[in-house]
């Protein structure tokens, strides 16, 4: 299993030219290889992050019929809710488990 890279935004915002270039390379590779990155050194405080997770959990605990009202057809999951098994990795025909 590929590990999700943990990248520090402060290296880009206030780092040296070498640190900025490494940040750009690392985040680009993370999105290219696996599509995810764990970002630290950002401006979001702990209470805002906790509130975000509370809201996300509340939404995903709603009945499917309500969540489906937020699914926007024709956008291929780029906006709104995407129901289970509709997205799949490039070159795959089986839906992702996300």
PDB file of N, CA and C in Angstrom:
ATOM      1  N   UNK A   1       0.839  -1.180   0.000  1.00  0.00           N
ATOM      2  CA  UNK A   1       0.000   0.000   0.000  1.00  0.00           C
ATOM      3  C   UNK A   1       0.888   1.249   0.000  1.00  0.00           C
ATOM      4  N   UNK A   2       0.521   2.221  -0.797  1.00  0.00           N
ATOM      5  CA  UNK A   2       1.271   3.470  -0.875  1.00  0.00           C
ATOM      6  C   UNK A   2       0.859   4.372   0.283  1.00  0.00           C
ATOM      7  N   UNK A   3       1.836   4.946   0.953  1.00  0.00           N
ATOM      8  CA  UNK A   3       1.570   5.840   2.077  1.00  0.00           C
ATOM      9  C   UNK A   3       1.247   7.247   1.556  1.00  0.00           C
ATOM     10  N   UNK A   4       0.229   7.880   2.124  1.00  0.00           N
ATOM     11  CA  UNK A   4      -0.137   9.243   1.752  1.00  0.00           C
ATOM     12  C   UNK A   4       0.947  10.182   2.270  1.00  0.00           C
ATOM     13  N   UNK A   5       1.565  10.970   1.380  1.00  0.00           N
ATOM     14  CA  UNK A   5       2.634  11.875   1.813  1.00  0.00           C
ATOM     15  C   UNK A   5       2.116  12.977   2.737  1.00  0.00           C
ATOM     16  N   UNK A   6       2.913  13.330   3.728  1.00  0.00           N
ATOM     17  CA  UNK A   6       2.615  14.412   4.659  1.00  0.00           C
ATOM     18  C   UNK A   6       3.512  15.585   4.266  1.00  0.00           C
ATOM     19  N   UNK A   7       2.916  16.645   3.721  1.00  0.00           N
ATOM     20  CA  UNK A   7       3.674  17.768   3.171  1.00  0.00           C
ATOM     21  C   UNK A   7       3.362  19.029   3.971  1.00  0.00           C
ATOM     22  N   UNK A   8       4.401  19.834   4.232  1.00  0.00           N
ATOM     23  CA  UNK A   8       4.268  21.037   5.054  1.00  0.00           C
ATOM     24  C   UNK A   8       4.136  22.280   4.175  1.00  0.00           C
ATOM     25  N   UNK A   9       2.971  22.937   4.236  1.00  0.00           N
ATOM     26  CA  UNK A   9       2.706  24.134   3.451  1.00  0.00           C
ATOM     27  C   UNK A   9       3.653  25.277   3.809  1.00  0.00           C
ATOM     28  N   UNK A  10       4.125  25.311   5.045  1.00  0.00           N
ATOM     29  CA  UNK A  10       5.057  26.376   5.467  1.00  0.00           C
ATOM     30  C   UNK A  10       6.339  26.357   4.639  1.00  0.00           C
ATOM     31  N   UNK A  11       6.717  25.182   4.145  1.00  0.00           N
ATOM     32  CA  UNK A  11       7.908  25.108   3.287  1.00  0.00           C
ATOM     33  C   UNK A  11       7.701  25.888   1.995  1.00  0.00           C
ATOM     34  N   UNK A  12       6.461  25.951   1.525  1.00  0.00           N
ATOM     35  CA  UNK A  12       6.177  26.719   0.316  1.00  0.00           C
ATOM     36  C   UNK A  12       5.981  28.199   0.628  1.00  0.00           C
ATOM     37  N   UNK A  13       5.252  28.476   1.700  1.00  0.00           N
ATOM     38  CA  UNK A  13       4.915  29.865   2.026  1.00  0.00           C
ATOM     39  C   UNK A  13       6.128  30.663   2.480  1.00  0.00           C
ATOM     40  N   UNK A  14       6.955  30.085   3.354  1.00  0.00           N
ATOM     41  CA  UNK A  14       8.056  30.863   3.923  1.00  0.00           C
ATOM     42  C   UNK A  14       9.403  30.151   3.833  1.00  0.00           C
ATOM     43  N   UNK A  15       9.485  29.102   3.066  1.00  0.00           N
ATOM     44  CA  UNK A  15      10.736  28.361   2.955  1.00  0.00           C
ATOM     45  C   UNK A  15      11.699  28.969   1.944  1.00  0.00           C
ATOM     46  N   UNK A  16      12.863  28.376   1.877  1.00  0.00           N
ATOM     47  CA  UNK A  16      13.870  28.792   0.891  1.00  0.00           C
ATOM     48  C   UNK A  16      13.403  28.374  -0.503  1.00  0.00           C
ATOM     49  N   UNK A  17      14.096  28.835  -1.506  1.00  0.00           N
ATOM     50  CA  UNK A  17      13.757  28.458  -2.882  1.00  0.00           C
ATOM     51  C   UNK A  17      13.833  26.936  -3.048  1.00  0.00           C
ATOM     52  N   UNK A  18      14.826  26.317  -2.419  1.00  0.00           N
ATOM     53  CA  UNK A  18      14.984  24.862  -2.486  1.00  0.00           C
ATOM     54  C   UNK A  18      13.792  24.165  -1.834  1.00  0.00           C
ATOM     55  N   UNK A  19      13.356  24.668  -0.654  1.00  0.00           N
ATOM     56  CA  UNK A  19      12.199  24.079   0.043  1.00  0.00           C
ATOM     57  C   UNK A  19      10.910  24.256  -0.766  1.00  0.00           C
ATOM     58  N   UNK A  20      10.753  25.435  -1.385  1.00  0.00           N
ATOM     59  CA  UNK A  20       9.573  25.682  -2.214  1.00  0.00           C
ATOM     60  C   UNK A  20       9.538  24.724  -3.399  1.00  0.00           C
ATOM     61  N   UNK A  21      10.661  24.559  -4.060  1.00  0.00           N
ATOM     62  CA  UNK A  21      10.719  23.652  -5.201  1.00  0.00           C
ATOM     63  C   UNK A  21      10.450  22.214  -4.798  1.00  0.00           C
ATOM     64  N   UNK A  22      10.967  21.809  -3.633  1.00  0.00           N
ATOM     65  CA  UNK A  22      10.711  20.453  -3.141  1.00  0.00           C
ATOM     66  C   UNK A  22       9.229  20.269  -2.832  1.00  0.00           C
ATOM     67  N   UNK A  23       8.603  21.287  -2.215  1.00  0.00           N
ATOM     68  CA  UNK A  23       7.169  21.232  -1.927  1.00  0.00           C
ATOM     69  C   UNK A  23       6.379  21.035  -3.216  1.00  0.00           C
ATOM     70  N   UNK A  24       6.693  21.829  -4.231  1.00  0.00           N
ATOM     71  CA  UNK A  24       5.995  21.744  -5.519  1.00  0.00           C
ATOM     72  C   UNK A  24       6.170  20.361  -6.126  1.00  0.00           C
ATOM     73  N   UNK A  25       7.382  19.854  -6.096  1.00  0.00           N
ATOM     74  CA  UNK A  25       7.653  18.518  -6.651  1.00  0.00           C
ATOM     75  C   UNK A  25       6.888  17.449  -5.867  1.00  0.00           C
ATOM     76  N   UNK A  26       6.966  17.517  -4.534  1.00  0.00           N
ATOM     77  CA  UNK A  26       6.328  16.504  -3.682  1.00  0.00           C
ATOM     78  C   UNK A  26       4.809  16.500  -3.823  1.00  0.00           C
ATOM     79  N   UNK A  27       4.195  17.678  -3.842  1.00  0.00           N
ATOM     80  CA  UNK A  27       2.729  17.719  -3.938  1.00  0.00           C
ATOM     81  C   UNK A  27       2.290  17.275  -5.333  1.00  0.00           C
ATOM     82  N   UNK A  28       3.052  17.647  -6.349  1.00  0.00           N
ATOM     83  CA  UNK A  28       2.739  17.206  -7.706  1.00  0.00           C
ATOM     84  C   UNK A  28       2.807  15.700  -7.842  1.00  0.00           C
ATOM     85  N   UNK A  29       3.848  15.099  -7.290  1.00  0.00           N
ATOM     86  CA  UNK A  29       3.996  13.639  -7.345  1.00  0.00           C
ATOM     87  C   UNK A  29       2.892  12.932  -6.559  1.00  0.00           C
ATOM     88  N   UNK A  30       2.531  13.504  -5.415  1.00  0.00           N
ATOM     89  CA  UNK A  30       1.477  12.895  -4.591  1.00  0.00           C
ATOM     90  C   UNK A  30       0.158  12.848  -5.363  1.00  0.00           C
ATOM     91  N   UNK A  31      -0.199  13.958  -6.002  1.00  0.00           N
ATOM     92  CA  UNK A  31      -1.461  13.985  -6.743  1.00  0.00           C
ATOM     93  C   UNK A  31      -1.381  13.134  -8.003  1.00  0.00           C
ATOM     94  N   UNK A  32      -0.224  13.092  -8.616  1.00  0.00           N
ATOM     95  CA  UNK A  32      -0.050  12.280  -9.823  1.00  0.00           C
ATOM     96  C   UNK A  32      -0.098  10.787  -9.516  1.00  0.00           C
ATOM     97  N   UNK A  33       0.574  10.376  -8.439  1.00  0.00           N
ATOM     98  CA  UNK A  33       0.696   8.950  -8.118  1.00  0.00           C
ATOM     99  C   UNK A  33      -0.535   8.373  -7.419  1.00  0.00           C
ATOM    100  N   UNK A  34      -1.058   9.095  -6.394  1.00  0.00           N
ATOM    101  CA  UNK A  34      -2.176   8.516  -5.631  1.00  0.00           C
ATOM    102  C   UNK A  34      -3.383   9.442  -5.487  1.00  0.00           C
ATOM    103  N   UNK A  35      -3.212  10.722  -5.790  1.00  0.00           N
ATOM    104  CA  UNK A  35      -4.352  11.631  -5.743  1.00  0.00           C
ATOM    105  C   UNK A  35      -4.677  12.196  -4.381  1.00  0.00           C
ATOM    106  N   UNK A  36      -3.822  11.963  -3.406  1.00  0.00           N
ATOM    107  CA  UNK A  36      -4.067  12.447  -2.045  1.00  0.00           C
ATOM    108  C   UNK A  36      -2.786  12.982  -1.441  1.00  0.00           C
ATOM    109  N   UNK A  37      -2.949  13.884  -0.480  1.00  0.00           N
ATOM    110  CA  UNK A  37      -1.823  14.402   0.280  1.00  0.00           C
ATOM    111  C   UNK A  37      -2.346  14.822   1.648  1.00  0.00           C
ATOM    112  N   UNK A  38      -1.519  14.663   2.660  1.00  0.00           N
ATOM    113  CA  UNK A  38      -1.831  15.166   3.993  1.00  0.00           C
ATOM    114  C   UNK A  38      -1.044  16.470   4.145  1.00  0.00           C
ATOM    115  N   UNK A  39      -1.767  17.572   4.369  1.00  0.00           N
ATOM    116  CA  UNK A  39      -1.133  18.884   4.403  1.00  0.00           C
ATOM    117  C   UNK A  39      -1.065  19.403   5.836  1.00  0.00           C
ATOM    118  N   UNK A  40       0.151  19.692   6.288  1.00  0.00           N
ATOM    119  CA  UNK A  40       0.311  20.316   7.609  1.00  0.00           C
ATOM    120  C   UNK A  40       0.892  21.713   7.396  1.00  0.00           C
ATOM    121  N   UNK A  41       0.952  22.500   8.457  1.00  0.00           N
ATOM    122  CA  UNK A  41       1.488  23.843   8.361  1.00  0.00           C
ATOM    123  C   UNK A  41       0.527  24.811   7.692  1.00  0.00           C
ATOM    124  N   UNK A  42      -0.765  24.482   7.699  1.00  0.00           N
ATOM    125  CA  UNK A  42      -1.783  25.342   7.093  1.00  0.00           C
ATOM    126  C   UNK A  42      -2.335  26.296   8.142  1.00  0.00           C
ATOM    127  N   UNK A  43      -3.266  27.145   7.732  1.00  0.00           N
ATOM    128  CA  UNK A  43      -3.816  28.183   8.599  1.00  0.00           C
ATOM    129  C   UNK A  43      -5.076  27.759   9.351  1.00  0.00           C
ATOM    130  N   UNK A  44      -5.549  26.540   9.152  1.00  0.00           N
ATOM    131  CA  UNK A  44      -6.786  26.110   9.797  1.00  0.00           C
ATOM    132  C   UNK A  44      -6.525  25.714  11.245  1.00  0.00           C
ATOM    133  N   UNK A  45      -7.279  26.329  12.172  1.00  0.00           N
ATOM    134  CA  UNK A  45      -7.076  25.972  13.575  1.00  0.00           C
ATOM    135  C   UNK A  45      -7.861  24.707  13.924  1.00  0.00           C
ATOM    136  N   UNK A  46      -7.511  24.125  15.051  1.00  0.00           N
ATOM    137  CA  UNK A  46      -8.063  22.827  15.470  1.00  0.00           C
ATOM    138  C   UNK A  46      -9.589  22.855  15.583  1.00  0.00           C
ATOM    139  N   UNK A  47     -10.156  23.940  16.107  1.00  0.00           N
ATOM    140  CA  UNK A  47     -11.615  23.991  16.272  1.00  0.00           C
ATOM    141  C   UNK A  47     -12.312  24.027  14.910  1.00  0.00           C
ATOM    142  N   UNK A  48     -11.747  24.713  13.935  1.00  0.00           N
ATOM    143  CA  UNK A  48     -12.325  24.740  12.598  1.00  0.00           C
ATOM    144  C   UNK A  48     -12.268  23.353  11.952  1.00  0.00           C
ATOM    145  N   UNK A  49     -11.156  22.664  12.124  1.00  0.00           N
ATOM    146  CA  UNK A  49     -11.007  21.299  11.598  1.00  0.00           C
ATOM    147  C   UNK A  49     -12.022  20.372  12.262  1.00  0.00           C
ATOM    148  N   UNK A  50     -12.161  20.464  13.578  1.00  0.00           N
ATOM    149  CA  UNK A  50     -13.130  19.626  14.296  1.00  0.00           C
ATOM    150  C   UNK A  50     -14.560  19.906  13.832  1.00  0.00           C
ATOM    151  N   UNK A  51     -14.899  21.185  13.616  1.00  0.00           N
ATOM    152  CA  UNK A  51     -16.231  21.548  13.121  1.00  0.00           C
ATOM    153  C   UNK A  51     -16.460  20.980  11.725  1.00  0.00           C
ATOM    154  N   UNK A  52     -15.439  21.030  10.902  1.00  0.00           N
ATOM    155  CA  UNK A  52     -15.539  20.474   9.549  1.00  0.00           C
ATOM    156  C   UNK A  52     -15.857  18.983   9.600  1.00  0.00           C
ATOM    157  N   UNK A  53     -15.107  18.233  10.408  1.00  0.00           N
ATOM    158  CA  UNK A  53     -15.347  16.791  10.523  1.00  0.00           C
ATOM    159  C   UNK A  53     -16.733  16.489  11.090  1.00  0.00           C
ATOM    160  N   UNK A  54     -17.200  17.313  12.014  1.00  0.00           N
ATOM    161  CA  UNK A  54     -18.543  17.136  12.565  1.00  0.00           C
ATOM    162  C   UNK A  54     -19.590  17.301  11.463  1.00  0.00           C
ATOM    163  N   UNK A  55     -19.444  18.333  10.654  1.00  0.00           N
ATOM    164  CA  UNK A  55     -20.397  18.579   9.563  1.00  0.00           C
ATOM    165  C   UNK A  55     -20.336  17.480   8.503  1.00  0.00           C
ATOM    166  N   UNK A  56     -19.134  17.058   8.149  1.00  0.00           N
ATOM    167  CA  UNK A  56     -18.983  15.985   7.153  1.00  0.00           C
ATOM    168  C   UNK A  56     -19.631  14.698   7.662  1.00  0.00           C
ATOM    169  N   UNK A  57     -19.362  14.345   8.911  1.00  0.00           N
ATOM    170  CA  UNK A  57     -19.976  13.145   9.495  1.00  0.00           C
ATOM    171  C   UNK A  57     -21.494  13.258   9.534  1.00  0.00           C
ATOM    172  N   UNK A  58     -22.004  14.433   9.862  1.00  0.00           N
ATOM    173  CA  UNK A  58     -23.458  14.634   9.892  1.00  0.00           C
ATOM    174  C   UNK A  58     -24.060  14.407   8.517  1.00  0.00           C
ATOM    175  N   UNK A  59     -23.402  14.929   7.483  1.00  0.00           N
ATOM    176  CA  UNK A  59     -23.911  14.742   6.130  1.00  0.00           C
ATOM    177  C   UNK A  59     -23.913  13.267   5.740  1.00  0.00           C
ATOM    178  N   UNK A  60     -22.802  12.586   5.957  1.00  0.00           N
ATOM    179  CA  UNK A  60     -22.712  11.190   5.528  1.00  0.00           C
ATOM    180  C   UNK A  60     -23.560  10.244   6.369  1.00  0.00           C
ATOM    181  N   UNK A  61     -24.032  10.696   7.522  1.00  0.00           N
ATOM    182  CA  UNK A  61     -24.950   9.893   8.328  1.00  0.00           C
ATOM    183  C   UNK A  61     -26.412  10.105   7.935  1.00  0.00           C
ATOM    184  N   UNK A  62     -26.661  11.018   6.991  1.00  0.00           N
ATOM    185  CA  UNK A  62     -28.023  11.230   6.506  1.00  0.00           C
ATOM    186  C   UNK A  62     -28.497  10.008   5.718  1.00  0.00           C
ATOM    187  N   UNK A  63     -29.801   9.815   5.611  1.00  0.00           N
ATOM    188  CA  UNK A  63     -30.314   8.726   4.765  1.00  0.00           C
ATOM    189  C   UNK A  63     -29.897   8.940   3.306  1.00  0.00           C
ATOM    190  N   UNK A  64     -29.704   7.843   2.588  1.00  0.00           N
ATOM    191  CA  UNK A  64     -29.259   7.906   1.199  1.00  0.00           C
ATOM    192  C   UNK A  64     -30.187   8.769   0.346  1.00  0.00           C
ATOM    193  N   UNK A  65     -31.475   8.696   0.556  1.00  0.00           N
ATOM    194  CA  UNK A  65     -32.430   9.472  -0.244  1.00  0.00           C
ATOM    195  C   UNK A  65     -32.146  10.974  -0.169  1.00  0.00           C
ATOM    196  N   UNK A  66     -31.729  11.441   0.991  1.00  0.00           N
ATOM    197  CA  UNK A  66     -31.410  12.869   1.147  1.00  0.00           C
ATOM    198  C   UNK A  66     -30.078  13.184   0.471  1.00  0.00           C
ATOM    199  N   UNK A  67     -29.079  12.331   0.678  1.00  0.00           N
ATOM    200  CA  UNK A  67     -27.776  12.580   0.055  1.00  0.00           C
ATOM    201  C   UNK A  67     -27.878  12.591  -1.468  1.00  0.00           C
ATOM    202  N   UNK A  68     -28.723  11.733  -2.016  1.00  0.00           N
ATOM    203  CA  UNK A  68     -28.862  11.671  -3.478  1.00  0.00           C
ATOM    204  C   UNK A  68     -29.404  12.971  -4.072  1.00  0.00           C
ATOM    205  N   UNK A  69     -30.081  13.777  -3.266  1.00  0.00           N
ATOM    206  CA  UNK A  69     -30.560  15.084  -3.740  1.00  0.00           C
ATOM    207  C   UNK A  69     -29.383  16.013  -4.054  1.00  0.00           C
ATOM    208  N   UNK A  70     -28.206  15.709  -3.521  1.00  0.00           N
ATOM    209  CA  UNK A  70     -27.019  16.539  -3.734  1.00  0.00           C
ATOM    210  C   UNK A  70     -26.097  15.975  -4.811  1.00  0.00           C
ATOM    211  N   UNK A  71     -26.523  14.880  -5.446  1.00  0.00           N
ATOM    212  CA  UNK A  71     -25.736  14.299  -6.526  1.00  0.00           C
ATOM    213  C   UNK A  71     -26.060  15.055  -7.820  1.00  0.00           C
ATOM    214  N   UNK A  72     -25.041  15.613  -8.453  1.00  0.00           N
ATOM    215  CA  UNK A  72     -25.240  16.409  -9.658  1.00  0.00           C
ATOM    216  C   UNK A  72     -24.874  15.560 -10.863  1.00  0.00           C
ATOM    217  N   UNK A  73     -25.865  15.155 -11.588  1.00  0.00           N
ATOM    218  CA  UNK A  73     -25.659  14.289 -12.749  1.00  0.00           C
ATOM    219  C   UNK A  73     -24.894  15.044 -13.832  1.00  0.00           C
ATOM    220  N   UNK A  74     -24.050  14.333 -14.542  1.00  0.00           N
ATOM    221  CA  UNK A  74     -23.320  14.918 -15.659  1.00  0.00           C
ATOM    222  C   UNK A  74     -22.002  15.563 -15.300  1.00  0.00           C
ATOM    223  N   UNK A  75     -21.691  15.681 -14.024  1.00  0.00           N
ATOM    224  CA  UNK A  75     -20.420  16.295 -13.615  1.00  0.00           C
ATOM    225  C   UNK A  75     -19.391  15.256 -13.191  1.00  0.00           C
ATOM    226  N   UNK A  76     -19.738  13.982 -13.313  1.00  0.00           N
ATOM    227  CA  UNK A  76     -18.808  12.885 -13.006  1.00  0.00           C
ATOM    228  C   UNK A  76     -18.173  12.997 -11.623  1.00  0.00           C
ATOM    229  N   UNK A  77     -18.953  13.417 -10.637  1.00  0.00           N
ATOM    230  CA  UNK A  77     -18.458  13.481  -9.270  1.00  0.00           C
ATOM    231  C   UNK A  77     -17.569  14.673  -8.964  1.00  0.00           C
ATOM    232  N   UNK A  78     -17.513  15.643  -9.864  1.00  0.00           N
ATOM    233  CA  UNK A  78     -16.654  16.798  -9.637  1.00  0.00           C
ATOM    234  C   UNK A  78     -17.255  17.794  -8.653  1.00  0.00           C
ATOM    235  N   UNK A  79     -18.559  17.768  -8.477  1.00  0.00           N
ATOM    236  CA  UNK A  79     -19.241  18.637  -7.520  1.00  0.00           C
ATOM    237  C   UNK A  79     -20.376  17.845  -6.885  1.00  0.00           C
ATOM    238  N   UNK A  80     -20.750  18.234  -5.687  1.00  0.00           N
ATOM    239  CA  UNK A  80     -21.875  17.602  -5.026  1.00  0.00           C
ATOM    240  C   UNK A  80     -21.513  16.237  -4.459  1.00  0.00           C
ATOM    241  N   UNK A  81     -22.529  15.470  -4.166  1.00  0.00           N
ATOM    242  CA  UNK A  81     -22.372  14.143  -3.581  1.00  0.00           C
ATOM    243  C   UNK A  81     -22.181  13.109  -4.688  1.00  0.00           C
ATOM    244  N   UNK A  82     -21.297  12.161  -4.462  1.00  0.00           N
ATOM    245  CA  UNK A  82     -21.111  11.049  -5.386  1.00  0.00           C
ATOM    246  C   UNK A  82     -21.370   9.770  -4.614  1.00  0.00           C
ATOM    247  N   UNK A  83     -22.380   9.037  -5.028  1.00  0.00           N
ATOM    248  CA  UNK A  83     -22.757   7.842  -4.282  1.00  0.00           C
ATOM    249  C   UNK A  83     -21.727   6.727  -4.440  1.00  0.00           C
ATOM    250  N   UNK A  84     -21.790   5.788  -3.515  1.00  0.00           N
ATOM    251  CA  UNK A  84     -20.833   4.689  -3.398  1.00  0.00           C
ATOM    252  C   UNK A  84     -20.723   3.888  -4.690  1.00  0.00           C
ATOM    253  N   UNK A  85     -19.479   3.637  -5.110  1.00  0.00           N
ATOM    254  CA  UNK A  85     -19.208   2.759  -6.239  1.00  0.00           C
ATOM    255  C   UNK A  85     -19.294   3.404  -7.611  1.00  0.00           C
ATOM    256  N   UNK A  86     -19.604   4.704  -7.687  1.00  0.00           N
ATOM    257  CA  UNK A  86     -19.723   5.360  -8.994  1.00  0.00           C
ATOM    258  C   UNK A  86     -18.380   5.796  -9.555  1.00  0.00           C
ATOM    259  N   UNK A  87     -17.454   6.152  -8.705  1.00  0.00           N
ATOM    260  CA  UNK A  87     -16.137   6.581  -9.181  1.00  0.00           C
ATOM    261  C   UNK A  87     -15.222   5.374  -9.288  1.00  0.00           C
ATOM    262  N   UNK A  88     -14.313   5.444 -10.241  1.00  0.00           N
ATOM    263  CA  UNK A  88     -13.330   4.376 -10.375  1.00  0.00           C
ATOM    264  C   UNK A  88     -12.020   4.957 -10.885  1.00  0.00           C
ATOM    265  N   UNK A  89     -10.953   4.282 -10.558  1.00  0.00           N
ATOM    266  CA  UNK A  89      -9.622   4.729 -10.972  1.00  0.00           C
ATOM    267  C   UNK A  89      -9.486   4.590 -12.482  1.00  0.00           C
ATOM    268  N   UNK A  90      -8.644   5.427 -13.046  1.00  0.00           N
ATOM    269  CA  UNK A  90      -8.381   5.396 -14.489  1.00  0.00           C
ATOM    270  C   UNK A  90      -7.965   3.990 -14.910  1.00  0.00           C
ATOM    271  N   UNK A  91      -8.612   3.496 -15.959  1.00  0.00           N
ATOM    272  CA  UNK A  91      -8.288   2.173 -16.465  1.00  0.00           C
ATOM    273  C   UNK A  91      -8.968   1.029 -15.742  1.00  0.00           C
ATOM    274  N   UNK A  92      -9.778   1.324 -14.732  1.00  0.00           N
ATOM    275  CA  UNK A  92     -10.480   0.286 -13.956  1.00  0.00           C
ATOM    276  C   UNK A  92     -11.970   0.376 -14.231  1.00  0.00           C
ATOM    277  N   UNK A  93     -12.629  -0.746 -14.153  1.00  0.00           N
ATOM    278  CA  UNK A  93     -14.072  -0.765 -14.356  1.00  0.00           C
ATOM    279  C   UNK A  93     -14.843  -0.970 -13.060  1.00  0.00           C
ATOM    280  N   UNK A  94     -14.131  -1.319 -11.996  1.00  0.00           N
ATOM    281  CA  UNK A  94     -14.740  -1.558 -10.692  1.00  0.00           C
ATOM    282  C   UNK A  94     -14.736  -0.258  -9.895  1.00  0.00           C
ATOM    283  N   UNK A  95     -15.859   0.045  -9.241  1.00  0.00           N
ATOM    284  CA  UNK A  95     -15.973   1.271  -8.452  1.00  0.00           C
ATOM    285  C   UNK A  95     -15.041   1.285  -7.250  1.00  0.00           C
ATOM    286  N   UNK A  96     -14.574   2.483  -6.899  1.00  0.00           N
ATOM    287  CA  UNK A  96     -13.722   2.674  -5.728  1.00  0.00           C
ATOM    288  C   UNK A  96     -14.512   2.434  -4.449  1.00  0.00           C
ATOM    289  N   UNK A  97     -13.799   2.147  -3.395  1.00  0.00           N
ATOM    290  CA  UNK A  97     -14.416   1.946  -2.082  1.00  0.00           C
ATOM    291  C   UNK A  97     -14.413   3.229  -1.264  1.00  0.00           C
ATOM    292  N   UNK A  98     -14.616   4.333  -1.902  1.00  0.00           N
ATOM    293  CA  UNK A  98     -14.654   5.600  -1.173  1.00  0.00           C
ATOM    294  C   UNK A  98     -16.012   6.234  -1.257  1.00  0.00           C
TER     295      UNK A  98
END
